[in-house]
PDB file of N, CA and C in Angstrom:
ATOM      1  N   MET A   1      84.025 169.121  34.160  1.00  0.00           N
ATOM      2  CA  MET A   1      83.322 168.960  34.848  1.00  0.00           C
ATOM      3  C   MET A   1      83.150 167.545  34.484  1.00  0.00           C
ATOM      4  N   GLY A   2      83.207 166.416  35.492  1.00  0.00           N
ATOM      5  CA  GLY A   2      82.936 164.979  35.292  1.00  0.00           C
ATOM      6  C   GLY A   2      82.105 164.361  35.727  1.00  0.00           C
ATOM      7  N   THR A   3      81.557 163.522  35.394  1.00  0.00           N
ATOM      8  CA  THR A   3      80.129 163.099  35.252  1.00  0.00           C
ATOM      9  C   THR A   3      80.104 162.430  37.283  1.00  0.00           C
ATOM     10  N   ASP A   4      80.820 162.396  38.376  1.00  0.00           N
ATOM     11  CA  ASP A   4      81.111 162.135  39.277  1.00  0.00           C
ATOM     12  C   ASP A   4      80.146 163.987  39.890  1.00  0.00           C
ATOM     13  N   GLU A   5      81.434 164.551  39.433  1.00  0.00           N
ATOM     14  CA  GLU A   5      80.612 166.046  40.420  1.00  0.00           C
ATOM     15  C   GLU A   5      79.503 166.354  39.681  1.00  0.00           C
ATOM     16  N   TRP A   6      78.846 166.132  38.254  1.00  0.00           N
ATOM     17  CA  TRP A   6      77.439 166.742  37.948  1.00  0.00           C
ATOM     18  C   TRP A   6      76.706 165.591  38.737  1.00  0.00           C
ATOM     19  N   VAL A   7      76.912 164.094  38.745  1.00  0.00           N
ATOM     20  CA  VAL A   7      75.628 164.155  39.958  1.00  0.00           C
ATOM     21  C   VAL A   7      75.404 164.466  41.012  1.00  0.00           C
ATOM     22  N   VAL A   8      77.036 164.631  41.769  1.00  0.00           N
ATOM     23  CA  VAL A   8      76.811 165.300  43.111  1.00  0.00           C
ATOM     24  C   VAL A   8      76.352 166.910  43.279  1.00  0.00           C
ATOM     25  N   ALA A   9      76.400 167.517  41.921  1.00  0.00           N
ATOM     26  CA  ALA A   9      75.974 168.899  41.950  1.00  0.00           C
ATOM     27  C   ALA A   9      74.291 168.793  41.437  1.00  0.00           C
ATOM     28  N   VAL A  10      73.700 168.103  41.065  1.00  0.00           N
ATOM     29  CA  VAL A  10      72.484 167.523  41.176  1.00  0.00           C
ATOM     30  C   VAL A  10      71.770 166.659  41.917  1.00  0.00           C
ATOM     31  N   ALA A  11      72.784 166.435  42.811  1.00  0.00           N
ATOM     32  CA  ALA A  11      71.964 165.590  43.892  1.00  0.00           C
ATOM     33  C   ALA A  11      71.826 166.874  45.187  1.00  0.00           C
ATOM     34  N   GLY A  12      72.810 167.362  45.079  1.00  0.00           N
ATOM     35  CA  GLY A  12      72.550 168.937  46.116  1.00  0.00           C
ATOM     36  C   GLY A  12      72.005 169.755  46.150  1.00  0.00           C
ATOM     37  N   LEU A  13      71.504 170.040  44.645  1.00  0.00           N
ATOM     38  CA  LEU A  13      70.285 171.062  44.319  1.00  0.00           C
ATOM     39  C   LEU A  13      68.985 170.258  44.504  1.00  0.00           C
ATOM     40  N   THR A  14      68.706 168.881  44.587  1.00  0.00           N
ATOM     41  CA  THR A  14      67.474 168.534  44.669  1.00  0.00           C
ATOM     42  C   THR A  14      67.443 168.357  45.762  1.00  0.00           C
ATOM     43  N   ALA A  15      68.080 168.029  46.936  1.00  0.00           N
ATOM     44  CA  ALA A  15      68.366 168.704  47.992  1.00  0.00           C
ATOM     45  C   ALA A  15      67.827 169.307  48.589  1.00  0.00           C
ATOM     46  N   ILE A  16      68.757 170.562  48.580  1.00  0.00           N
ATOM     47  CA  ILE A  16      68.188 172.464  48.336  1.00  0.00           C
ATOM     48  C   ILE A  16      66.602 172.362  48.102  1.00  0.00           C
ATOM     49  N   VAL A  17      66.569 171.960  47.188  1.00  0.00           N
ATOM     50  CA  VAL A  17      64.515 172.796  46.573  1.00  0.00           C
ATOM     51  C   VAL A  17      64.085 171.640  47.747  1.00  0.00           C
ATOM     52  N   ALA A  18      64.271 170.017  47.921  1.00  0.00           N
ATOM     53  CA  ALA A  18      63.116 169.362  48.968  1.00  0.00           C
ATOM     54  C   ALA A  18      63.177 170.306  50.124  1.00  0.00           C
ATOM     55  N   ILE A  19      64.658 169.984  50.688  1.00  0.00           N
ATOM     56  CA  ILE A  19      64.351 171.206  51.958  1.00  0.00           C
ATOM     57  C   ILE A  19      63.444 172.118  52.138  1.00  0.00           C
ATOM     58  N   ASN A  20      63.617 173.154  51.183  1.00  0.00           N
ATOM     59  CA  ASN A  20      63.043 174.393  51.324  1.00  0.00           C
ATOM     60  C   ASN A  20      61.522 174.187  50.923  1.00  0.00           C
ATOM     61  N   TRP A  21      61.187 173.336  49.743  1.00  0.00           N
ATOM     62  CA  TRP A  21      59.690 173.306  49.933  1.00  0.00           C
ATOM     63  C   TRP A  21      58.845 172.705  50.997  1.00  0.00           C
ATOM     64  N   TYR A  22      59.436 171.698  51.736  1.00  0.00           N
ATOM     65  CA  TYR A  22      59.378 171.143  52.936  1.00  0.00           C
ATOM     66  C   TYR A  22      58.710 172.383  54.141  1.00  0.00           C
ATOM     67  N   PHE A  23      59.917 172.986  54.089  1.00  0.00           N
ATOM     68  CA  PHE A  23      59.723 174.398  55.321  1.00  0.00           C
ATOM     69  C   PHE A  23      59.050 175.233  54.806  1.00  0.00           C
ATOM     70  N   LEU A  24      59.089 175.846  54.305  1.00  0.00           N
ATOM     71  CA  LEU A  24      58.664 176.941  53.243  1.00  0.00           C
ATOM     72  C   LEU A  24      57.163 176.636  52.296  1.00  0.00           C
ATOM     73  N   ALA A  25      56.757 175.797  52.024  1.00  0.00           N
ATOM     74  CA  ALA A  25      55.779 175.348  51.033  1.00  0.00           C
ATOM     75  C   ALA A  25      54.297 176.008  52.249  1.00  0.00           C
ATOM     76  N   PRO A  26      53.207 176.953  51.330  1.00  0.00           N
ATOM     77  CA  PRO A  26      52.360 176.672  51.977  1.00  0.00           C
ATOM     78  C   PRO A  26      51.097 175.664  52.544  1.00  0.00           C
ATOM     79  N   ARG A  27      50.733 176.049  53.926  1.00  0.00           N
ATOM     80  CA  ARG A  27      50.193 174.648  54.597  1.00  0.00           C
ATOM     81  C   ARG A  27      48.677 174.596  54.165  1.00  0.00           C
ATOM     82  N   ARG A  28      48.350 173.587  54.342  1.00  0.00           N
ATOM     83  CA  ARG A  28      46.911 173.693  53.888  1.00  0.00           C
ATOM     84  C   ARG A  28      46.256 174.219  55.354  1.00  0.00           C
ATOM     85  N   ILE A  29      45.297 175.166  55.125  1.00  0.00           N
ATOM     86  CA  ILE A  29      44.634 176.001  55.891  1.00  0.00           C
ATOM     87  C   ILE A  29      42.566 175.042  56.147  1.00  0.00           C
ATOM     88  N   MET A  30      42.814 174.622  57.359  1.00  0.00           N
ATOM     89  CA  MET A  30      41.331 174.451  57.709  1.00  0.00           C
ATOM     90  C   MET A  30      40.541 175.368  58.493  1.00  0.00           C
ATOM     91  N   THR A  31      39.265 175.579  58.198  1.00  0.00           N
ATOM     92  CA  THR A  31      38.345 176.374  59.253  1.00  0.00           C
ATOM     93  C   THR A  31      37.868 175.557  60.024  1.00  0.00           C
ATOM     94  N   ALA A  32      37.651 175.744  61.407  1.00  0.00           N
ATOM     95  CA  ALA A  32      36.873 174.925  62.198  1.00  0.00           C
ATOM     96  C   ALA A  32      35.548 174.988  62.253  1.00  0.00           C
ATOM     97  N   ALA A  33      35.108 173.536  62.356  1.00  0.00           N
ATOM     98  CA  ALA A  33      33.489 173.493  61.695  1.00  0.00           C
ATOM     99  C   ALA A  33      33.082 173.571  63.497  1.00  0.00           C
ATOM    100  N   ALA A  34      32.109 174.873  62.532  1.00  0.00           N
ATOM    101  CA  ALA A  34      31.008 174.891  64.107  1.00  0.00           C
ATOM    102  C   ALA A  34      30.261 173.915  64.361  1.00  0.00           C
ATOM    103  N   ALA A  35      30.178 173.576  65.548  1.00  0.00           N
ATOM    104  CA  ALA A  35      29.191 172.530  66.225  1.00  0.00           C
ATOM    105  C   ALA A  35      28.811 173.063  67.206  1.00  0.00           C
ATOM    106  N   GLY A  36      27.409 173.593  67.196  1.00  0.00           N
ATOM    107  CA  GLY A  36      26.556 174.059  68.131  1.00  0.00           C
ATOM    108  C   GLY A  36      26.794 175.861  67.956  1.00  0.00           C
ATOM    109  N   ALA A  37      27.005 175.820  69.506  1.00  0.00           N
ATOM    110  CA  ALA A  37      28.128 177.228  70.210  1.00  0.00           C
ATOM    111  C   ALA A  37      29.351 176.704  70.123  1.00  0.00           C
ATOM    112  N   ALA A  38      30.311 176.089  69.483  1.00  0.00           N
ATOM    113  CA  ALA A  38      31.552 175.807  69.675  1.00  0.00           C
ATOM    114  C   ALA A  38      32.328 175.230  68.102  1.00  0.00           C
ATOM    115  N   GLN A  39      33.267 175.274  68.261  1.00  0.00           N
ATOM    116  CA  GLN A  39      34.245 174.940  67.024  1.00  0.00           C
ATOM    117  C   GLN A  39      35.002 173.986  67.218  1.00  0.00           C
ATOM    118  N   ARG A  40      35.406 172.815  66.244  1.00  0.00           N
ATOM    119  CA  ARG A  40      36.416 171.928  66.210  1.00  0.00           C
ATOM    120  C   ARG A  40      37.225 171.745  64.508  1.00  0.00           C
ATOM    121  N   VAL A  41      38.240 171.222  65.618  1.00  0.00           N
ATOM    122  CA  VAL A  41      39.169 170.084  64.339  1.00  0.00           C
ATOM    123  C   VAL A  41      40.001 169.135  64.538  1.00  0.00           C
ATOM    124  N   ASP A  42      40.116 168.690  63.483  1.00  0.00           N
ATOM    125  CA  ASP A  42      41.152 167.362  63.763  1.00  0.00           C
ATOM    126  C   ASP A  42      42.342 167.712  62.916  1.00  0.00           C
ATOM    127  N   ILE A  43      43.108 167.454  63.752  1.00  0.00           N
ATOM    128  CA  ILE A  43      44.489 167.694  63.146  1.00  0.00           C
ATOM    129  C   ILE A  43      45.471 166.112  63.319  1.00  0.00           C
ATOM    130  N   THR A  44      46.323 165.681  62.611  1.00  0.00           N
ATOM    131  CA  THR A  44      46.805 164.435  61.851  1.00  0.00           C
ATOM    132  C   THR A  44      48.266 164.936  62.733  1.00  0.00           C
ATOM    133  N   VAL A  45      49.114 164.608  63.655  1.00  0.00           N
ATOM    134  CA  VAL A  45      50.223 164.853  64.131  1.00  0.00           C
ATOM    135  C   VAL A  45      50.978 163.356  63.250  1.00  0.00           C
ATOM    136  N   LYS A  46      52.005 163.499  62.480  1.00  0.00           N
ATOM    137  CA  LYS A  46      52.587 162.661  61.898  1.00  0.00           C
ATOM    138  C   LYS A  46      54.448 163.603  60.998  1.00  0.00           C
ATOM    139  N   GLY A  47      54.926 163.667  61.800  1.00  0.00           N
ATOM    140  CA  GLY A  47      56.339 164.271  61.107  1.00  0.00           C
ATOM    141  C   GLY A  47      55.574 165.660  61.244  1.00  0.00           C
ATOM    142  N   GLY A  48      54.678 166.380  62.015  1.00  0.00           N
ATOM    143  CA  GLY A  48      53.752 167.890  61.367  1.00  0.00           C
ATOM    144  C   GLY A  48      52.710 167.784  61.384  1.00  0.00           C
ATOM    145  N   TYR A  49      52.432 168.753  61.596  1.00  0.00           N
ATOM    146  CA  TYR A  49      50.760 168.833  61.945  1.00  0.00           C
ATOM    147  C   TYR A  49      49.655 169.117  60.340  1.00  0.00           C
ATOM    148  N   GLU A  50      49.259 168.698  60.081  1.00  0.00           N
ATOM    149  CA  GLU A  50      48.001 168.249  59.013  1.00  0.00           C
ATOM    150  C   GLU A  50      46.918 168.562  59.693  1.00  0.00           C
ATOM    151  N   PRO A  51      46.093 169.511  59.535  1.00  0.00           N
ATOM    152  CA  PRO A  51      46.312 170.945  58.815  1.00  0.00           C
ATOM    153  C   PRO A  51      47.034 171.786  59.179  1.00  0.00           C
ATOM    154  N   GLY A  52      48.404 172.185  58.541  1.00  0.00           N
ATOM    155  CA  GLY A  52      49.385 173.132  59.049  1.00  0.00           C
ATOM    156  C   GLY A  52      49.145 174.321  59.847  1.00  0.00           C
ATOM    157  N   ALA A  53      47.770 175.049  59.263  1.00  0.00           N
ATOM    158  CA  ALA A  53      47.022 176.234  59.640  1.00  0.00           C
ATOM    159  C   ALA A  53      45.747 175.607  60.339  1.00  0.00           C
ATOM    160  N   VAL A  54      45.077 176.181  61.177  1.00  0.00           N
ATOM    161  CA  VAL A  54      43.800 176.332  61.326  1.00  0.00           C
ATOM    162  C   VAL A  54      43.258 177.533  61.517  1.00  0.00           C
ATOM    163  N   ARG A  55      41.947 177.957  60.697  1.00  0.00           N
ATOM    164  CA  ARG A  55      41.256 179.036  61.443  1.00  0.00           C
ATOM    165  C   ARG A  55      40.191 178.881  62.443  1.00  0.00           C
ATOM    166  N   ALA A  56      40.013 180.010  63.291  1.00  0.00           N
ATOM    167  CA  ALA A  56      39.104 180.072  64.629  1.00  0.00           C
ATOM    168  C   ALA A  56      38.366 181.575  64.663  1.00  0.00           C
ATOM    169  N   LYS A  57      37.300 181.388  64.849  1.00  0.00           N
ATOM    170  CA  LYS A  57      36.668 182.691  65.526  1.00  0.00           C
ATOM    171  C   LYS A  57      36.946 182.539  66.751  1.00  0.00           C
ATOM    172  N   ARG A  58      36.876 184.340  67.123  1.00  0.00           N
ATOM    173  CA  ARG A  58      37.661 184.394  68.439  1.00  0.00           C
ATOM    174  C   ARG A  58      36.523 184.826  69.283  1.00  0.00           C
ATOM    175  N   GLY A  59      36.366 184.202  70.927  1.00  0.00           N
ATOM    176  CA  GLY A  59      35.621 183.924  71.667  1.00  0.00           C
ATOM    177  C   GLY A  59      34.562 183.075  71.537  1.00  0.00           C
ATOM    178  N   VAL A  60      34.655 182.002  70.343  1.00  0.00           N
ATOM    179  CA  VAL A  60      34.340 180.995  70.410  1.00  0.00           C
ATOM    180  C   VAL A  60      34.620 179.568  71.007  1.00  0.00           C
ATOM    181  N   PRO A  61      34.163 178.810  71.672  1.00  0.00           N
ATOM    182  CA  PRO A  61      35.220 178.126  72.284  1.00  0.00           C
ATOM    183  C   PRO A  61      35.630 176.853  70.981  1.00  0.00           C
ATOM    184  N   LEU A  62      36.827 176.341  71.176  1.00  0.00           N
ATOM    185  CA  LEU A  62      37.652 176.042  70.207  1.00  0.00           C
ATOM    186  C   LEU A  62      38.027 173.971  70.649  1.00  0.00           C
ATOM    187  N   THR A  63      37.838 173.367  70.357  1.00  0.00           N
ATOM    188  CA  THR A  63      38.354 172.017  70.301  1.00  0.00           C
ATOM    189  C   THR A  63      39.114 171.431  69.149  1.00  0.00           C
ATOM    190  N   LEU A  64      40.829 171.969  69.310  1.00  0.00           N
ATOM    191  CA  LEU A  64      41.616 170.940  68.706  1.00  0.00           C
ATOM    192  C   LEU A  64      41.511 169.167  68.792  1.00  0.00           C
ATOM    193  N   VAL A  65      41.549 168.086  68.024  1.00  0.00           N
ATOM    194  CA  VAL A  65      41.658 166.583  68.260  1.00  0.00           C
ATOM    195  C   VAL A  65      42.614 166.516  67.542  1.00  0.00           C
ATOM    196  N   PHE A  66      43.597 166.180  68.928  1.00  0.00           N
ATOM    197  CA  PHE A  66      44.881 165.925  67.717  1.00  0.00           C
ATOM    198  C   PHE A  66      45.350 164.709  67.530  1.00  0.00           C
ATOM    199  N   ASP A  67      45.640 163.820  66.596  1.00  0.00           N
ATOM    200  CA  ASP A  67      45.416 162.296  66.262  1.00  0.00           C
ATOM    201  C   ASP A  67      46.910 162.114  66.020  1.00  0.00           C
ATOM    202  N   ARG A  68      47.860 161.771  66.942  1.00  0.00           N
ATOM    203  CA  ARG A  68      49.274 161.752  67.230  1.00  0.00           C
ATOM    204  C   ARG A  68      49.338 159.889  66.426  1.00  0.00           C
ATOM    205  N   GLN A  69      49.776 160.045  64.937  1.00  0.00           N
ATOM    206  CA  GLN A  69      49.722 158.934  64.780  1.00  0.00           C
ATOM    207  C   GLN A  69      51.606 158.508  64.328  1.00  0.00           C
ATOM    208  N   GLU A  70      52.357 158.739  65.363  1.00  0.00           N
ATOM    209  CA  GLU A  70      53.857 158.357  65.659  1.00  0.00           C
ATOM    210  C   GLU A  70      54.271 157.753  67.160  1.00  0.00           C
ATOM    211  N   GLU A  71      55.520 158.118  67.399  1.00  0.00           N
ATOM    212  CA  GLU A  71      55.977 157.336  68.265  1.00  0.00           C
ATOM    213  C   GLU A  71      57.138 158.635  68.693  1.00  0.00           C
ATOM    214  N   SER A  72      57.151 159.424  67.522  1.00  0.00           N
ATOM    215  CA  SER A  72      58.834 160.461  68.000  1.00  0.00           C
ATOM    216  C   SER A  72      58.266 161.199  69.104  1.00  0.00           C
ATOM    217  N   SER A  73      59.659 161.362  70.120  1.00  0.00           N
ATOM    218  CA  SER A  73      59.434 162.025  71.695  1.00  0.00           C
ATOM    219  C   SER A  73      58.829 163.700  71.069  1.00  0.00           C
ATOM    220  N   CYS A  74      59.186 163.671  70.151  1.00  0.00           N
ATOM    221  CA  CYS A  74      59.377 165.543  69.410  1.00  0.00           C
ATOM    222  C   CYS A  74      57.650 165.799  69.312  1.00  0.00           C
ATOM    223  N   SER A  75      57.291 165.126  69.055  1.00  0.00           N
ATOM    224  CA  SER A  75      55.414 164.664  69.114  1.00  0.00           C
ATOM    225  C   SER A  75      54.990 164.826  70.044  1.00  0.00           C
ATOM    226  N   GLU A  76      55.077 164.781  71.615  1.00  0.00           N
ATOM    227  CA  GLU A  76      54.348 164.005  72.586  1.00  0.00           C
ATOM    228  C   GLU A  76      53.755 165.136  73.117  1.00  0.00           C
ATOM    229  N   GLU A  77      54.250 166.379  72.948  1.00  0.00           N
ATOM    230  CA  GLU A  77      53.187 167.809  73.540  1.00  0.00           C
ATOM    231  C   GLU A  77      53.007 168.383  72.498  1.00  0.00           C
ATOM    232  N   VAL A  78      52.331 169.014  72.720  1.00  0.00           N
ATOM    233  CA  VAL A  78      51.572 170.074  71.730  1.00  0.00           C
ATOM    234  C   VAL A  78      51.329 171.266  72.724  1.00  0.00           C
ATOM    235  N   VAL A  79      51.833 172.727  72.080  1.00  0.00           N
ATOM    236  CA  VAL A  79      51.802 174.324  72.957  1.00  0.00           C
ATOM    237  C   VAL A  79      51.289 175.202  72.241  1.00  0.00           C
ATOM    238  N   VAL A  80      50.381 175.900  72.617  1.00  0.00           N
ATOM    239  CA  VAL A  80      49.881 176.720  72.179  1.00  0.00           C
ATOM    240  C   VAL A  80      50.017 177.911  73.011  1.00  0.00           C
ATOM    241  N   PRO A  81      51.257 178.510  73.062  1.00  0.00           N
ATOM    242  CA  PRO A  81      51.625 179.483  73.900  1.00  0.00           C
ATOM    243  C   PRO A  81      50.385 181.091  73.998  1.00  0.00           C
ATOM    244  N   ALA A  82      50.376 181.355  73.104  1.00  0.00           N
ATOM    245  CA  ALA A  82      49.607 182.776  73.452  1.00  0.00           C
ATOM    246  C   ALA A  82      48.448 182.406  74.238  1.00  0.00           C
ATOM    247  N   PHE A  83      47.619 181.061  74.271  1.00  0.00           N
ATOM    248  CA  PHE A  83      46.820 180.569  75.164  1.00  0.00           C
ATOM    249  C   PHE A  83      46.893 180.033  76.474  1.00  0.00           C
ATOM    250  N   GLY A  84      47.867 179.798  77.227  1.00  0.00           N
ATOM    251  CA  GLY A  84      48.610 178.844  77.936  1.00  0.00           C
ATOM    252  C   GLY A  84      48.477 177.164  77.557  1.00  0.00           C
ATOM    253  N   VAL A  85      48.589 176.974  76.394  1.00  0.00           N
ATOM    254  CA  VAL A  85      48.108 175.340  76.166  1.00  0.00           C
ATOM    255  C   VAL A  85      49.029 174.955  76.165  1.00  0.00           C
ATOM    256  N   ARG A  86      49.083 173.207  76.985  1.00  0.00           N
ATOM    257  CA  ARG A  86      50.575 172.699  77.129  1.00  0.00           C
ATOM    258  C   ARG A  86      49.600 171.349  77.151  1.00  0.00           C
ATOM    259  N   LYS A  87      50.014 170.355  76.457  1.00  0.00           N
ATOM    260  CA  LYS A  87      49.388 169.026  76.764  1.00  0.00           C
ATOM    261  C   LYS A  87      49.978 167.459  76.024  1.00  0.00           C
ATOM    262  N   TYR A  88      49.806 166.955  76.694  1.00  0.00           N
ATOM    263  CA  TYR A  88      50.283 165.421  76.638  1.00  0.00           C
ATOM    264  C   TYR A  88      49.509 164.642  75.260  1.00  0.00           C
ATOM    265  N   LEU A  89      50.592 164.462  74.525  1.00  0.00           N
ATOM    266  CA  LEU A  89      49.677 163.575  73.165  1.00  0.00           C
ATOM    267  C   LEU A  89      50.251 162.260  73.488  1.00  0.00           C
ATOM    268  N   PRO A  90      48.789 161.476  74.125  1.00  0.00           N
ATOM    269  CA  PRO A  90      49.800 159.918  73.937  1.00  0.00           C
ATOM    270  C   PRO A  90      49.713 159.604  72.270  1.00  0.00           C
ATOM    271  N   ALA A  91      51.093 158.559  71.834  1.00  0.00           N
ATOM    272  CA  ALA A  91      51.125 157.686  70.579  1.00  0.00           C
ATOM    273  C   ALA A  91      50.087 157.155  70.253  1.00  0.00           C
ATOM    274  N   PHE A  92      49.419 157.310  68.936  1.00  0.00           N
ATOM    275  CA  PHE A  92      48.616 156.093  68.374  1.00  0.00           C
ATOM    276  C   PHE A  92      47.361 156.963  69.307  1.00  0.00           C
ATOM    277  N   GLU A  93      46.834 157.876  69.937  1.00  0.00           N
ATOM    278  CA  GLU A  93      45.397 158.204  70.349  1.00  0.00           C
ATOM    279  C   GLU A  93      45.290 159.157  70.235  1.00  0.00           C
ATOM    280  N   ARG A  94      43.689 160.056  70.204  1.00  0.00           N
ATOM    281  CA  ARG A  94      43.436 160.936  69.946  1.00  0.00           C
ATOM    282  C   ARG A  94      43.054 161.216  70.959  1.00  0.00           C
ATOM    283  N   THR A  95      43.514 163.056  71.501  1.00  0.00           N
ATOM    284  CA  THR A  95      43.665 163.553  72.358  1.00  0.00           C
ATOM    285  C   THR A  95      42.914 165.394  71.977  1.00  0.00           C
ATOM    286  N   GLU A  96      42.230 165.585  72.722  1.00  0.00           N
ATOM    287  CA  GLU A  96      41.085 166.939  72.575  1.00  0.00           C
ATOM    288  C   GLU A  96      41.937 167.821  73.283  1.00  0.00           C
ATOM    289  N   VAL A  97      42.036 169.211  72.652  1.00  0.00           N
ATOM    290  CA  VAL A  97      42.647 169.896  73.592  1.00  0.00           C
ATOM    291  C   VAL A  97      41.882 171.392  73.402  1.00  0.00           C
ATOM    292  N   ALA A  98      40.808 171.880  74.556  1.00  0.00           N
ATOM    293  CA  ALA A  98      39.791 172.645  74.571  1.00  0.00           C
ATOM    294  C   ALA A  98      40.309 173.665  75.488  1.00  0.00           C
ATOM    295  N   PHE A  99      39.882 175.243  74.355  1.00  0.00           N
ATOM    296  CA  PHE A  99      40.426 176.538  74.908  1.00  0.00           C
ATOM    297  C   PHE A  99      39.354 177.495  74.343  1.00  0.00           C
ATOM    298  N   THR A 100      39.246 178.371  74.638  1.00  0.00           N
ATOM    299  CA  THR A 100      38.034 179.889  73.893  1.00  0.00           C
ATOM    300  C   THR A 100      39.380 180.707  73.580  1.00  0.00           C
ATOM    301  N   PRO A 101      39.829 180.786  72.080  1.00  0.00           N
ATOM    302  CA  PRO A 101      40.692 181.855  71.757  1.00  0.00           C
ATOM    303  C   PRO A 101      39.906 183.325  71.942  1.00  0.00           C
ATOM    304  N   ASP A 102      40.727 184.199  72.967  1.00  0.00           N
ATOM    305  CA  ASP A 102      40.411 185.013  73.082  1.00  0.00           C
ATOM    306  C   ASP A 102      40.425 186.674  72.988  1.00  0.00           C
ATOM    307  N   LYS A 103      41.332 186.022  71.732  1.00  0.00           N
ATOM    308  CA  LYS A 103      42.416 187.595  71.081  1.00  0.00           C
ATOM    309  C   LYS A 103      42.468 187.397  69.493  1.00  0.00           C
ATOM    310  N   SER A 104      42.095 187.787  68.708  1.00  0.00           N
ATOM    311  CA  SER A 104      42.729 187.800  67.182  1.00  0.00           C
ATOM    312  C   SER A 104      43.978 187.996  66.835  1.00  0.00           C
ATOM    313  N   GLY A 105      44.223 187.307  65.688  1.00  0.00           N
ATOM    314  CA  GLY A 105      45.520 187.118  65.120  1.00  0.00           C
ATOM    315  C   GLY A 105      45.887 185.998  64.647  1.00  0.00           C
ATOM    316  N   THR A 106      47.416 185.989  64.358  1.00  0.00           N
ATOM    317  CA  THR A 106      48.087 184.446  64.283  1.00  0.00           C
ATOM    318  C   THR A 106      49.117 184.109  65.125  1.00  0.00           C
ATOM    319  N   PHE A 107      48.990 182.295  65.445  1.00  0.00           N
ATOM    320  CA  PHE A 107      49.440 182.578  66.845  1.00  0.00           C
ATOM    321  C   PHE A 107      50.367 180.655  66.279  1.00  0.00           C
ATOM    322  N   ASP A 108      51.570 180.511  67.348  1.00  0.00           N
ATOM    323  CA  ASP A 108      51.712 179.228  67.223  1.00  0.00           C
ATOM    324  C   ASP A 108      51.693 178.051  67.601  1.00  0.00           C
ATOM    325  N   ILE A 109      51.349 177.254  66.963  1.00  0.00           N
ATOM    326  CA  ILE A 109      51.456 175.830  67.250  1.00  0.00           C
ATOM    327  C   ILE A 109      52.582 175.372  67.487  1.00  0.00           C
ATOM    328  N   THR A 110      52.885 174.699  68.476  1.00  0.00           N
ATOM    329  CA  THR A 110      54.340 174.209  68.276  1.00  0.00           C
ATOM    330  C   THR A 110      54.395 172.482  69.454  1.00  0.00           C
ATOM    331  N   CYS A 111      55.637 171.680  68.870  1.00  0.00           N
ATOM    332  CA  CYS A 111      55.929 170.717  69.842  1.00  0.00           C
ATOM    333  C   CYS A 111      56.796 171.439  71.160  1.00  0.00           C
ATOM    334  N   GLY A 112      56.737 170.635  71.833  1.00  0.00           N
ATOM    335  CA  GLY A 112      57.354 170.922  73.073  1.00  0.00           C
ATOM    336  C   GLY A 112      58.771 171.497  73.093  1.00  0.00           C
ATOM    337  N   MET A 113      59.274 170.561  71.528  1.00  0.00           N
ATOM    338  CA  MET A 113      60.366 170.825  71.445  1.00  0.00           C
ATOM    339  C   MET A 113      60.614 172.315  70.546  1.00  0.00           C
ATOM    340  N   SER A 114      59.418 172.315  69.923  1.00  0.00           N
ATOM    341  CA  SER A 114      59.454 173.838  69.017  1.00  0.00           C
ATOM    342  C   SER A 114      59.882 173.232  67.901  1.00  0.00           C
ATOM    343  N   MET A 115      60.213 172.197  67.674  1.00  0.00           N
ATOM    344  CA  MET A 115      60.253 171.926  66.274  1.00  0.00           C
ATOM    345  C   MET A 115      59.416 171.196  65.481  1.00  0.00           C
ATOM    346  N   LEU A 116      58.207 171.290  65.574  1.00  0.00           N
ATOM    347  CA  LEU A 116      57.108 171.122  64.669  1.00  0.00           C
ATOM    348  C   LEU A 116      56.126 172.394  65.378  1.00  0.00           C
ATOM    349  N   HIS A 117      55.411 172.942  63.746  1.00  0.00           N
ATOM    350  CA  HIS A 117      55.320 174.316  63.636  1.00  0.00           C
ATOM    351  C   HIS A 117      53.979 174.088  62.661  1.00  0.00           C
ATOM    352  N   GLY A 118      52.678 174.778  63.951  1.00  0.00           N
ATOM    353  CA  GLY A 118      51.417 175.015  62.908  1.00  0.00           C
ATOM    354  C   GLY A 118      51.250 176.781  63.136  1.00  0.00           C
ATOM    355  N   LYS A 119      50.150 176.920  62.825  1.00  0.00           N
ATOM    356  CA  LYS A 119      49.672 178.166  63.018  1.00  0.00           C
ATOM    357  C   LYS A 119      48.307 177.947  63.331  1.00  0.00           C
ATOM    358  N   LEU A 120      47.553 178.883  64.031  1.00  0.00           N
ATOM    359  CA  LEU A 120      46.334 179.352  64.658  1.00  0.00           C
ATOM    360  C   LEU A 120      45.663 180.482  64.252  1.00  0.00           C
ATOM    361  N   ILE A 121      44.993 180.618  63.200  1.00  0.00           N
ATOM    362  CA  ILE A 121      44.465 182.324  62.591  1.00  0.00           C
ATOM    363  C   ILE A 121      43.139 182.400  63.341  1.00  0.00           C
ATOM    364  N   VAL A 122      43.265 183.126  64.279  1.00  0.00           N
ATOM    365  CA  VAL A 122      42.078 183.987  64.722  1.00  0.00           C
ATOM    366  C   VAL A 122      41.418 185.031  64.442  1.00  0.00           C
ATOM    367  N   GLU A 123      40.141 184.973  64.067  1.00  0.00           N
ATOM    368  CA  GLU A 123      39.444 186.065  63.048  1.00  0.00           C
ATOM    369  C   GLU A 123      38.249 186.185  64.393  1.00  0.00           C
ATOM    370  N   ASP A 124      37.924 187.764  64.105  1.00  0.00           N
ATOM    371  CA  ASP A 124      36.732 188.272  64.427  1.00  0.00           C
ATOM    372  C   ASP A 124      35.528 187.597  64.203  1.00  0.00           C
TER     373      ASP A 124
END
C-alpha cells in the first residue's frame, strides 16, 4: 500500500468514527426544573438540540424554552408528535412551548423535517 492509499484509508476511518459518534453518542439528559406547580427546561438549537434529552414528570405542566441560535431552515420548527406540539422557532430568539405531558414513556422531539432529534422522557 502506498502513502496516498494509507492517507485515504485513515481519513475514511476517521470520518466513519466521527459520524458514528455524532449520531450515536449518548446525549446529555436534563431534568426539568420545578417552578412551583410547573416544570421548565431551556434547550439550545444549533445543529441539534442541547440537551438532547429532557426528563419530566407526567401530569405536571411543562415549558420547553427553545433558544434557536441559527438560521438553518431545518431548525425553524419543533415537533413533539405524541403531544400534538408543532411550533415555529424564529432565528436567534427564545420561544416557549408549553404543554402538559399526560402519558409516561420516551417520546421524540424533532424538527419539521425530522432531521434534528431529541427525546422527552416522561416519568410518573
